[in-house]
């Protein structure tokens, strides 16, 4: 069995769609289970609260 151009295009397109879908699912799972259920507020820094004492 040999693959022609249409077969290769279909395989490439299918693989690309599956890759993006898995990426989206993994991002959603990581965001839910690792980062917590709630996104950080707009004004909050990504590194947590400030440790400066303001002296």
C-alpha atoms as a PDB file:
ATOM      1  CA  UNK A   1       0.000   0.000   0.000  1.00  0.00           C
ATOM      2  CA  UNK A   2       1.399   3.384  -0.942  1.00  0.00           C
ATOM      3  CA  UNK A   3       0.218   6.750   0.295  1.00  0.00           C
ATOM      4  CA  UNK A   4      -0.553   9.469  -2.204  1.00  0.00           C
ATOM      5  CA  UNK A   5      -0.702  13.234  -1.574  1.00  0.00           C
ATOM      6  CA  UNK A   6      -4.357  13.246  -0.468  1.00  0.00           C
ATOM      7  CA  UNK A   7      -3.734  10.473   2.070  1.00  0.00           C
ATOM      8  CA  UNK A   8      -0.752  12.339   3.496  1.00  0.00           C
ATOM      9  CA  UNK A   9      -2.772  15.562   3.716  1.00  0.00           C
ATOM     10  CA  UNK A  10      -5.592  13.792   5.566  1.00  0.00           C
ATOM     11  CA  UNK A  11      -3.148  12.153   7.995  1.00  0.00           C
ATOM     12  CA  UNK A  12      -1.343  15.459   8.617  1.00  0.00           C
ATOM     13  CA  UNK A  13      -4.616  17.337   9.176  1.00  0.00           C
ATOM     14  CA  UNK A  14      -5.931  14.662  11.551  1.00  0.00           C
ATOM     15  CA  UNK A  15      -2.674  14.662  13.521  1.00  0.00           C
ATOM     16  CA  UNK A  16      -2.693  18.463  13.755  1.00  0.00           C
ATOM     17  CA  UNK A  17      -6.277  18.539  15.023  1.00  0.00           C
ATOM     18  CA  UNK A  18      -5.620  15.820  17.601  1.00  0.00           C
ATOM     19  CA  UNK A  19      -2.496  17.657  18.785  1.00  0.00           C
ATOM     20  CA  UNK A  20      -4.385  20.925  19.317  1.00  0.00           C
ATOM     21  CA  UNK A  21      -7.256  19.122  21.047  1.00  0.00           C
ATOM     22  CA  UNK A  22      -4.910  17.306  23.432  1.00  0.00           C
ATOM     23  CA  UNK A  23      -3.067  20.550  24.128  1.00  0.00           C
ATOM     24  CA  UNK A  24      -6.352  22.276  24.983  1.00  0.00           C
ATOM     25  CA  UNK A  25      -7.454  19.399  27.254  1.00  0.00           C
ATOM     26  CA  UNK A  26      -4.088  19.295  29.042  1.00  0.00           C
ATOM     27  CA  UNK A  27      -4.117  23.074  29.578  1.00  0.00           C
ATOM     28  CA  UNK A  28      -7.606  22.824  31.054  1.00  0.00           C
ATOM     29  CA  UNK A  29      -6.647  19.959  33.368  1.00  0.00           C
ATOM     30  CA  UNK A  30      -3.430  21.638  34.501  1.00  0.00           C
ATOM     31  CA  UNK A  31      -5.308  24.873  35.134  1.00  0.00           C
ATOM     32  CA  UNK A  32      -7.959  23.066  37.148  1.00  0.00           C
ATOM     33  CA  UNK A  33      -5.913  20.622  39.213  1.00  0.00           C
ATOM     34  CA  UNK A  34      -2.466  22.237  39.463  1.00  0.00           C
ATOM     35  CA  UNK A  35      -3.119  25.971  39.444  1.00  0.00           C
ATOM     36  CA  UNK A  36      -6.386  25.882  41.383  1.00  0.00           C
ATOM     37  CA  UNK A  37      -9.961  26.265  40.289  1.00  0.00           C
ATOM     38  CA  UNK A  38     -10.030  30.071  40.239  1.00  0.00           C
ATOM     39  CA  UNK A  39      -7.866  32.193  37.945  1.00  0.00           C
ATOM     40  CA  UNK A  40      -5.780  34.882  39.575  1.00  0.00           C
ATOM     41  CA  UNK A  41      -7.294  38.375  39.720  1.00  0.00           C
ATOM     42  CA  UNK A  42      -6.209  40.933  37.134  1.00  0.00           C
ATOM     43  CA  UNK A  43      -4.125  42.990  39.549  1.00  0.00           C
ATOM     44  CA  UNK A  44      -2.393  40.102  41.306  1.00  0.00           C
ATOM     45  CA  UNK A  45       1.134  39.196  40.325  1.00  0.00           C
ATOM     46  CA  UNK A  46       1.861  35.700  39.071  1.00  0.00           C
ATOM     47  CA  UNK A  47       4.589  35.254  41.699  1.00  0.00           C
ATOM     48  CA  UNK A  48       2.366  35.629  44.732  1.00  0.00           C
ATOM     49  CA  UNK A  49       2.191  38.326  47.374  1.00  0.00           C
ATOM     50  CA  UNK A  50       4.908  40.898  47.684  1.00  0.00           C
ATOM     51  CA  UNK A  51       7.597  40.269  50.300  1.00  0.00           C
ATOM     52  CA  UNK A  52       8.713  43.894  50.577  1.00  0.00           C
ATOM     53  CA  UNK A  53       8.316  45.420  54.042  1.00  0.00           C
ATOM     54  CA  UNK A  54       8.255  49.026  52.923  1.00  0.00           C
ATOM     55  CA  UNK A  55      10.905  50.231  55.367  1.00  0.00           C
END
